[in-house]
């Protein structure tokens, strides 16, 4: 008898992961559809059924890179042959005009990249501020609420004005695009690569919670 591997997650975490799946594969789950789905394999079957597109054995990651390279070539007026997977994001997009240029790149591609973040030191300060606000909730509830509200305002501003890349190279960005916008990354969004879809789902559902060396299988509980 096949041993069922346990895969424990908080219900809120599962909800967030399903939202990520919906966005990447352009589908929408109904509550009734998810009832009774207890294993990763059952969820995969449901997702492939909802996508309901022909499967072709091609590389979505390569297609994502090609789309990215073409968009960068048009935007920066660079020969596409000079744009390589190992090209550094910081070399293509200098800090001074980075926010503006990334917005233009997103317009060319047709979706948000979410590739910029605040400076790491500011992220640490924001984290400490959040933890401090939580502590203050137990000392003075009103002050704690006010500190939390201030944290969320400052956090929003920090991420909207951040200019640091969370991807080092174009290869990294192509992988991010494939994971977060799978269908939009494909040359023909009316097709899929079934094995790629399953692999992408494994990446989504294996965030930080599985033990080292443990791999999600069809029998893994969700």
C-alpha atoms as a PDB file:
ATOM      1  CA  UNK A   1       0.000   0.000   0.000  1.00  0.00           C
ATOM      2  CA  UNK A   2       1.373   3.441  -0.947  1.00  0.00           C
ATOM      3  CA  UNK A   3       2.304   5.510   2.053  1.00  0.00           C
ATOM      4  CA  UNK A   4       0.526   8.873   2.014  1.00  0.00           C
ATOM      5  CA  UNK A   5       2.916  11.694   2.768  1.00  0.00           C
ATOM      6  CA  UNK A   6       1.607  14.346   5.106  1.00  0.00           C
ATOM      7  CA  UNK A   7       1.612  17.895   3.851  1.00  0.00           C
ATOM      8  CA  UNK A   8       0.341  20.197   6.560  1.00  0.00           C
ATOM      9  CA  UNK A   9      -0.660  23.788   5.919  1.00  0.00           C
ATOM     10  CA  UNK A  10      -2.750  26.389   7.608  1.00  0.00           C
ATOM     11  CA  UNK A  11      -6.114  26.877   5.781  1.00  0.00           C
ATOM     12  CA  UNK A  12      -5.227  30.539   5.139  1.00  0.00           C
ATOM     13  CA  UNK A  13      -1.979  29.409   3.496  1.00  0.00           C
ATOM     14  CA  UNK A  14      -3.915  27.020   1.241  1.00  0.00           C
ATOM     15  CA  UNK A  15      -6.256  29.878   0.285  1.00  0.00           C
ATOM     16  CA  UNK A  16      -3.301  32.101  -0.651  1.00  0.00           C
ATOM     17  CA  UNK A  17      -1.729  29.308  -2.717  1.00  0.00           C
ATOM     18  CA  UNK A  18      -4.979  28.681  -4.581  1.00  0.00           C
ATOM     19  CA  UNK A  19      -5.191  32.402  -5.390  1.00  0.00           C
ATOM     20  CA  UNK A  20      -1.664  32.142  -6.795  1.00  0.00           C
ATOM     21  CA  UNK A  21      -2.725  29.160  -8.923  1.00  0.00           C
ATOM     22  CA  UNK A  22      -5.807  31.035 -10.193  1.00  0.00           C
ATOM     23  CA  UNK A  23      -3.693  34.017 -11.258  1.00  0.00           C
ATOM     24  CA  UNK A  24      -0.944  32.007 -12.931  1.00  0.00           C
ATOM     25  CA  UNK A  25      -3.242  29.710 -14.908  1.00  0.00           C
ATOM     26  CA  UNK A  26      -6.133  32.134 -15.415  1.00  0.00           C
ATOM     27  CA  UNK A  27      -8.752  29.914 -13.791  1.00  0.00           C
ATOM     28  CA  UNK A  28     -11.294  30.349 -11.002  1.00  0.00           C
ATOM     29  CA  UNK A  29     -12.115  27.781  -8.335  1.00  0.00           C
ATOM     30  CA  UNK A  30     -15.612  27.228  -7.010  1.00  0.00           C
ATOM     31  CA  UNK A  31     -15.924  26.143  -3.385  1.00  0.00           C
ATOM     32  CA  UNK A  32     -17.834  22.997  -4.311  1.00  0.00           C
ATOM     33  CA  UNK A  33     -15.082  21.912  -6.716  1.00  0.00           C
ATOM     34  CA  UNK A  34     -12.486  21.841  -3.949  1.00  0.00           C
ATOM     35  CA  UNK A  35     -14.529  19.728  -1.553  1.00  0.00           C
ATOM     36  CA  UNK A  36     -13.149  16.243  -1.234  1.00  0.00           C
ATOM     37  CA  UNK A  37      -9.824  17.129  -2.857  1.00  0.00           C
ATOM     38  CA  UNK A  38      -7.340  15.789  -0.330  1.00  0.00           C
ATOM     39  CA  UNK A  39      -4.214  15.010  -2.322  1.00  0.00           C
ATOM     40  CA  UNK A  40      -1.927  16.928  -4.645  1.00  0.00           C
ATOM     41  CA  UNK A  41      -2.813  14.543  -7.472  1.00  0.00           C
ATOM     42  CA  UNK A  42      -6.538  15.189  -7.120  1.00  0.00           C
ATOM     43  CA  UNK A  43      -5.923  18.939  -7.153  1.00  0.00           C
ATOM     44  CA  UNK A  44      -3.701  18.638 -10.251  1.00  0.00           C
ATOM     45  CA  UNK A  45      -6.430  16.694 -12.065  1.00  0.00           C
ATOM     46  CA  UNK A  46      -8.956  19.411 -11.209  1.00  0.00           C
ATOM     47  CA  UNK A  47      -6.643  22.205 -12.378  1.00  0.00           C
ATOM     48  CA  UNK A  48      -5.813  20.474 -15.688  1.00  0.00           C
ATOM     49  CA  UNK A  49      -9.529  19.862 -16.238  1.00  0.00           C
ATOM     50  CA  UNK A  50     -10.291  23.550 -15.603  1.00  0.00           C
ATOM     51  CA  UNK A  51      -7.497  24.761 -17.886  1.00  0.00           C
ATOM     52  CA  UNK A  52      -8.861  22.404 -20.559  1.00  0.00           C
ATOM     53  CA  UNK A  53      -6.266  23.214 -23.241  1.00  0.00           C
ATOM     54  CA  UNK A  54      -4.262  20.938 -25.576  1.00  0.00           C
ATOM     55  CA  UNK A  55      -0.890  19.845 -24.177  1.00  0.00           C
ATOM     56  CA  UNK A  56       2.240  20.498 -26.244  1.00  0.00           C
ATOM     57  CA  UNK A  57       5.764  19.470 -25.253  1.00  0.00           C
ATOM     58  CA  UNK A  58       7.482  22.836 -25.481  1.00  0.00           C
ATOM     59  CA  UNK A  59       9.284  25.111 -23.030  1.00  0.00           C
ATOM     60  CA  UNK A  60       7.229  27.908 -21.490  1.00  0.00           C
ATOM     61  CA  UNK A  61      10.345  29.217 -19.739  1.00  0.00           C
ATOM     62  CA  UNK A  62      12.064  29.677 -23.111  1.00  0.00           C
ATOM     63  CA  UNK A  63       8.967  31.381 -24.505  1.00  0.00           C
ATOM     64  CA  UNK A  64       8.852  33.667 -21.458  1.00  0.00           C
ATOM     65  CA  UNK A  65      12.488  34.606 -22.014  1.00  0.00           C
ATOM     66  CA  UNK A  66      11.861  35.276 -25.711  1.00  0.00           C
ATOM     67  CA  UNK A  67       8.915  37.550 -24.884  1.00  0.00           C
ATOM     68  CA  UNK A  68      11.028  39.319 -22.292  1.00  0.00           C
ATOM     69  CA  UNK A  69      13.981  39.699 -24.660  1.00  0.00           C
ATOM     70  CA  UNK A  70      11.793  41.083 -27.457  1.00  0.00           C
ATOM     71  CA  UNK A  71      10.164  43.572 -25.081  1.00  0.00           C
ATOM     72  CA  UNK A  72      13.524  44.733 -23.703  1.00  0.00           C
ATOM     73  CA  UNK A  73      14.917  45.007 -27.250  1.00  0.00           C
ATOM     74  CA  UNK A  74      12.057  47.280 -28.320  1.00  0.00           C
ATOM     75  CA  UNK A  75      12.128  49.308 -25.130  1.00  0.00           C
ATOM     76  CA  UNK A  76      15.890  49.845 -24.929  1.00  0.00           C
ATOM     77  CA  UNK A  77      16.577  49.784 -28.681  1.00  0.00           C
ATOM     78  CA  UNK A  78      19.096  46.960 -28.240  1.00  0.00           C
ATOM     79  CA  UNK A  79      19.824  44.135 -30.672  1.00  0.00           C
ATOM     80  CA  UNK A  80      18.014  41.105 -29.238  1.00  0.00           C
ATOM     81  CA  UNK A  81      21.141  38.993 -29.855  1.00  0.00           C
ATOM     82  CA  UNK A  82      22.915  41.052 -27.209  1.00  0.00           C
ATOM     83  CA  UNK A  83      20.247  40.236 -24.620  1.00  0.00           C
ATOM     84  CA  UNK A  84      21.232  36.970 -22.944  1.00  0.00           C
ATOM     85  CA  UNK A  85      19.733  34.910 -20.088  1.00  0.00           C
ATOM     86  CA  UNK A  86      22.663  35.876 -17.844  1.00  0.00           C
ATOM     87  CA  UNK A  87      22.286  39.609 -18.584  1.00  0.00           C
ATOM     88  CA  UNK A  88      22.080  41.481 -15.272  1.00  0.00           C
ATOM     89  CA  UNK A  89      18.868  43.352 -14.544  1.00  0.00           C
ATOM     90  CA  UNK A  90      20.879  46.184 -12.974  1.00  0.00           C
ATOM     91  CA  UNK A  91      22.866  46.612 -16.204  1.00  0.00           C
ATOM     92  CA  UNK A  92      19.737  46.926 -18.339  1.00  0.00           C
ATOM     93  CA  UNK A  93      17.822  49.148 -15.951  1.00  0.00           C
ATOM     94  CA  UNK A  94      19.904  51.818 -14.139  1.00  0.00           C
ATOM     95  CA  UNK A  95      18.508  53.001 -10.803  1.00  0.00           C
ATOM     96  CA  UNK A  96      17.819  56.573 -11.917  1.00  0.00           C
ATOM     97  CA  UNK A  97      14.970  55.709 -14.314  1.00  0.00           C
ATOM     98  CA  UNK A  98      14.286  52.188 -13.033  1.00  0.00           C
ATOM     99  CA  UNK A  99      10.696  52.645 -11.807  1.00  0.00           C
ATOM    100  CA  UNK A 100       9.637  54.353 -15.029  1.00  0.00           C
ATOM    101  CA  UNK A 101      11.398  51.856 -17.302  1.00  0.00           C
ATOM    102  CA  UNK A 102      10.000  48.822 -15.495  1.00  0.00           C
ATOM    103  CA  UNK A 103       6.494  50.254 -15.856  1.00  0.00           C
ATOM    104  CA  UNK A 104       7.120  50.630 -19.572  1.00  0.00           C
ATOM    105  CA  UNK A 105       8.380  47.036 -19.732  1.00  0.00           C
ATOM    106  CA  UNK A 106       5.254  45.821 -17.945  1.00  0.00           C
ATOM    107  CA  UNK A 107       3.141  47.698 -20.492  1.00  0.00           C
ATOM    108  CA  UNK A 108       5.048  45.991 -23.335  1.00  0.00           C
ATOM    109  CA  UNK A 109       4.523  42.556 -21.769  1.00  0.00           C
ATOM    110  CA  UNK A 110       0.926  43.118 -20.709  1.00  0.00           C
ATOM    111  CA  UNK A 111       1.236  42.148 -17.036  1.00  0.00           C
ATOM    112  CA  UNK A 112       2.869  43.258 -13.789  1.00  0.00           C
ATOM    113  CA  UNK A 113       6.302  41.865 -12.988  1.00  0.00           C
ATOM    114  CA  UNK A 114       6.473  42.717  -9.258  1.00  0.00           C
ATOM    115  CA  UNK A 115      10.231  42.771  -9.646  1.00  0.00           C
ATOM    116  CA  UNK A 116      11.112  45.767  -7.443  1.00  0.00           C
ATOM    117  CA  UNK A 117      11.393  45.859  -3.668  1.00  0.00           C
ATOM    118  CA  UNK A 118      12.696  48.296  -1.024  1.00  0.00           C
ATOM    119  CA  UNK A 119      16.330  48.359   0.070  1.00  0.00           C
ATOM    120  CA  UNK A 120      17.034  45.351   2.325  1.00  0.00           C
ATOM    121  CA  UNK A 121      17.875  47.568   5.326  1.00  0.00           C
ATOM    122  CA  UNK A 122      14.483  49.273   5.019  1.00  0.00           C
ATOM    123  CA  UNK A 123      12.767  45.862   4.871  1.00  0.00           C
ATOM    124  CA  UNK A 124      14.482  44.878   8.131  1.00  0.00           C
ATOM    125  CA  UNK A 125      13.411  48.151   9.778  1.00  0.00           C
ATOM    126  CA  UNK A 126       9.829  47.580   8.578  1.00  0.00           C
ATOM    127  CA  UNK A 127       9.844  44.038   9.988  1.00  0.00           C
ATOM    128  CA  UNK A 128      11.099  45.258  13.360  1.00  0.00           C
ATOM    129  CA  UNK A 129       8.440  47.995  13.328  1.00  0.00           C
ATOM    130  CA  UNK A 130       5.738  45.425  12.671  1.00  0.00           C
ATOM    131  CA  UNK A 131       6.956  43.203  15.522  1.00  0.00           C
ATOM    132  CA  UNK A 132       7.094  46.256  17.791  1.00  0.00           C
ATOM    133  CA  UNK A 133       3.489  47.128  16.911  1.00  0.00           C
ATOM    134  CA  UNK A 134       2.400  43.573  17.777  1.00  0.00           C
ATOM    135  CA  UNK A 135       4.101  43.827  21.180  1.00  0.00           C
ATOM    136  CA  UNK A 136       2.434  47.194  21.826  1.00  0.00           C
ATOM    137  CA  UNK A 137      -0.973  45.595  21.261  1.00  0.00           C
ATOM    138  CA  UNK A 138      -0.471  43.812  24.595  1.00  0.00           C
ATOM    139  CA  UNK A 139       0.858  46.919  26.342  1.00  0.00           C
ATOM    140  CA  UNK A 140      -1.476  49.596  25.021  1.00  0.00           C
ATOM    141  CA  UNK A 141      -4.054  48.375  22.514  1.00  0.00           C
ATOM    142  CA  UNK A 142      -4.810  51.808  21.025  1.00  0.00           C
ATOM    143  CA  UNK A 143      -1.138  52.618  20.500  1.00  0.00           C
ATOM    144  CA  UNK A 144      -0.620  49.169  19.031  1.00  0.00           C
ATOM    145  CA  UNK A 145      -3.426  49.691  16.498  1.00  0.00           C
ATOM    146  CA  UNK A 146      -2.055  53.114  15.569  1.00  0.00           C
ATOM    147  CA  UNK A 147       1.432  51.666  15.103  1.00  0.00           C
ATOM    148  CA  UNK A 148       0.048  48.870  12.916  1.00  0.00           C
ATOM    149  CA  UNK A 149      -1.846  51.375  10.777  1.00  0.00           C
ATOM    150  CA  UNK A 150       1.333  53.455  10.411  1.00  0.00           C
ATOM    151  CA  UNK A 151       3.293  50.313   9.509  1.00  0.00           C
ATOM    152  CA  UNK A 152       0.891  49.390   6.704  1.00  0.00           C
ATOM    153  CA  UNK A 153       0.991  52.929   5.282  1.00  0.00           C
ATOM    154  CA  UNK A 154       4.802  53.051   5.367  1.00  0.00           C
ATOM    155  CA  UNK A 155       5.045  49.496   4.017  1.00  0.00           C
ATOM    156  CA  UNK A 156       2.842  50.405   1.033  1.00  0.00           C
ATOM    157  CA  UNK A 157       4.919  53.505   0.322  1.00  0.00           C
ATOM    158  CA  UNK A 158       8.174  51.552   0.670  1.00  0.00           C
ATOM    159  CA  UNK A 159       7.155  48.915  -1.869  1.00  0.00           C
ATOM    160  CA  UNK A 160       5.709  51.460  -4.284  1.00  0.00           C
ATOM    161  CA  UNK A 161       8.925  53.468  -4.245  1.00  0.00           C
ATOM    162  CA  UNK A 162      11.383  50.562  -3.955  1.00  0.00           C
ATOM    163  CA  UNK A 163      14.050  50.319  -6.638  1.00  0.00           C
ATOM    164  CA  UNK A 164      15.920  47.133  -5.695  1.00  0.00           C
ATOM    165  CA  UNK A 165      15.530  44.083  -7.933  1.00  0.00           C
ATOM    166  CA  UNK A 166      14.334  40.780  -6.514  1.00  0.00           C
ATOM    167  CA  UNK A 167      15.702  39.044  -9.646  1.00  0.00           C
ATOM    168  CA  UNK A 168      19.385  39.210 -10.537  1.00  0.00           C
ATOM    169  CA  UNK A 169      19.310  38.188 -14.212  1.00  0.00           C
ATOM    170  CA  UNK A 170      16.855  37.970 -17.111  1.00  0.00           C
ATOM    171  CA  UNK A 171      16.890  34.193 -16.664  1.00  0.00           C
ATOM    172  CA  UNK A 172      15.629  34.664 -13.093  1.00  0.00           C
ATOM    173  CA  UNK A 173      12.926  37.033 -14.293  1.00  0.00           C
ATOM    174  CA  UNK A 174      11.814  34.599 -17.021  1.00  0.00           C
ATOM    175  CA  UNK A 175      11.430  31.890 -14.360  1.00  0.00           C
ATOM    176  CA  UNK A 176       9.403  34.297 -12.203  1.00  0.00           C
ATOM    177  CA  UNK A 177       7.154  35.168 -15.152  1.00  0.00           C
ATOM    178  CA  UNK A 178       6.614  31.481 -15.935  1.00  0.00           C
ATOM    179  CA  UNK A 179       5.644  30.763 -12.333  1.00  0.00           C
ATOM    180  CA  UNK A 180       3.370  33.763 -11.783  1.00  0.00           C
ATOM    181  CA  UNK A 181       1.879  34.258 -15.277  1.00  0.00           C
ATOM    182  CA  UNK A 182       2.112  30.841 -16.902  1.00  0.00           C
ATOM    183  CA  UNK A 183      -0.542  31.265 -19.592  1.00  0.00           C
ATOM    184  CA  UNK A 184       0.523  34.805 -20.507  1.00  0.00           C
ATOM    185  CA  UNK A 185       4.118  33.631 -20.813  1.00  0.00           C
ATOM    186  CA  UNK A 186       3.255  31.146 -23.554  1.00  0.00           C
ATOM    187  CA  UNK A 187       3.462  31.899 -27.256  1.00  0.00           C
ATOM    188  CA  UNK A 188       0.010  30.365 -27.642  1.00  0.00           C
ATOM    189  CA  UNK A 189      -1.962  30.856 -24.404  1.00  0.00           C
ATOM    190  CA  UNK A 190      -4.538  28.335 -25.639  1.00  0.00           C
ATOM    191  CA  UNK A 191      -2.061  25.496 -25.126  1.00  0.00           C
ATOM    192  CA  UNK A 192      -0.180  24.123 -22.118  1.00  0.00           C
ATOM    193  CA  UNK A 193       2.671  21.760 -21.360  1.00  0.00           C
ATOM    194  CA  UNK A 194       1.007  19.396 -18.896  1.00  0.00           C
ATOM    195  CA  UNK A 195       4.251  18.271 -17.279  1.00  0.00           C
ATOM    196  CA  UNK A 196       5.316  21.893 -16.840  1.00  0.00           C
ATOM    197  CA  UNK A 197       1.992  22.747 -15.230  1.00  0.00           C
ATOM    198  CA  UNK A 198       2.423  19.950 -12.704  1.00  0.00           C
ATOM    199  CA  UNK A 199       5.987  21.075 -12.005  1.00  0.00           C
ATOM    200  CA  UNK A 200       4.837  24.677 -11.511  1.00  0.00           C
ATOM    201  CA  UNK A 201       2.159  23.478  -9.107  1.00  0.00           C
ATOM    202  CA  UNK A 202       4.797  21.538  -7.171  1.00  0.00           C
ATOM    203  CA  UNK A 203       6.848  24.716  -6.862  1.00  0.00           C
ATOM    204  CA  UNK A 204       3.832  26.652  -5.614  1.00  0.00           C
ATOM    205  CA  UNK A 205       2.814  24.001  -3.088  1.00  0.00           C
ATOM    206  CA  UNK A 206       6.280  23.214  -1.778  1.00  0.00           C
ATOM    207  CA  UNK A 207       7.085  26.605  -0.304  1.00  0.00           C
ATOM    208  CA  UNK A 208       9.042  26.181   2.884  1.00  0.00           C
ATOM    209  CA  UNK A 209       6.813  23.543   4.469  1.00  0.00           C
ATOM    210  CA  UNK A 210       8.201  20.220   3.290  1.00  0.00           C
ATOM    211  CA  UNK A 211      11.123  18.615   5.037  1.00  0.00           C
ATOM    212  CA  UNK A 212      14.495  18.820   3.299  1.00  0.00           C
ATOM    213  CA  UNK A 213      14.738  16.210   0.554  1.00  0.00           C
ATOM    214  CA  UNK A 214      11.020  15.431   0.618  1.00  0.00           C
ATOM    215  CA  UNK A 215       9.207  15.726  -2.688  1.00  0.00           C
ATOM    216  CA  UNK A 216       5.522  16.272  -3.419  1.00  0.00           C
ATOM    217  CA  UNK A 217       3.861  13.314  -5.147  1.00  0.00           C
ATOM    218  CA  UNK A 218       0.301  12.648  -6.302  1.00  0.00           C
ATOM    219  CA  UNK A 219      -0.358  11.044  -2.905  1.00  0.00           C
ATOM    220  CA  UNK A 220       0.874  14.036  -0.879  1.00  0.00           C
ATOM    221  CA  UNK A 221      -1.931  15.392   1.296  1.00  0.00           C
ATOM    222  CA  UNK A 222      -2.814  19.082   0.955  1.00  0.00           C
END
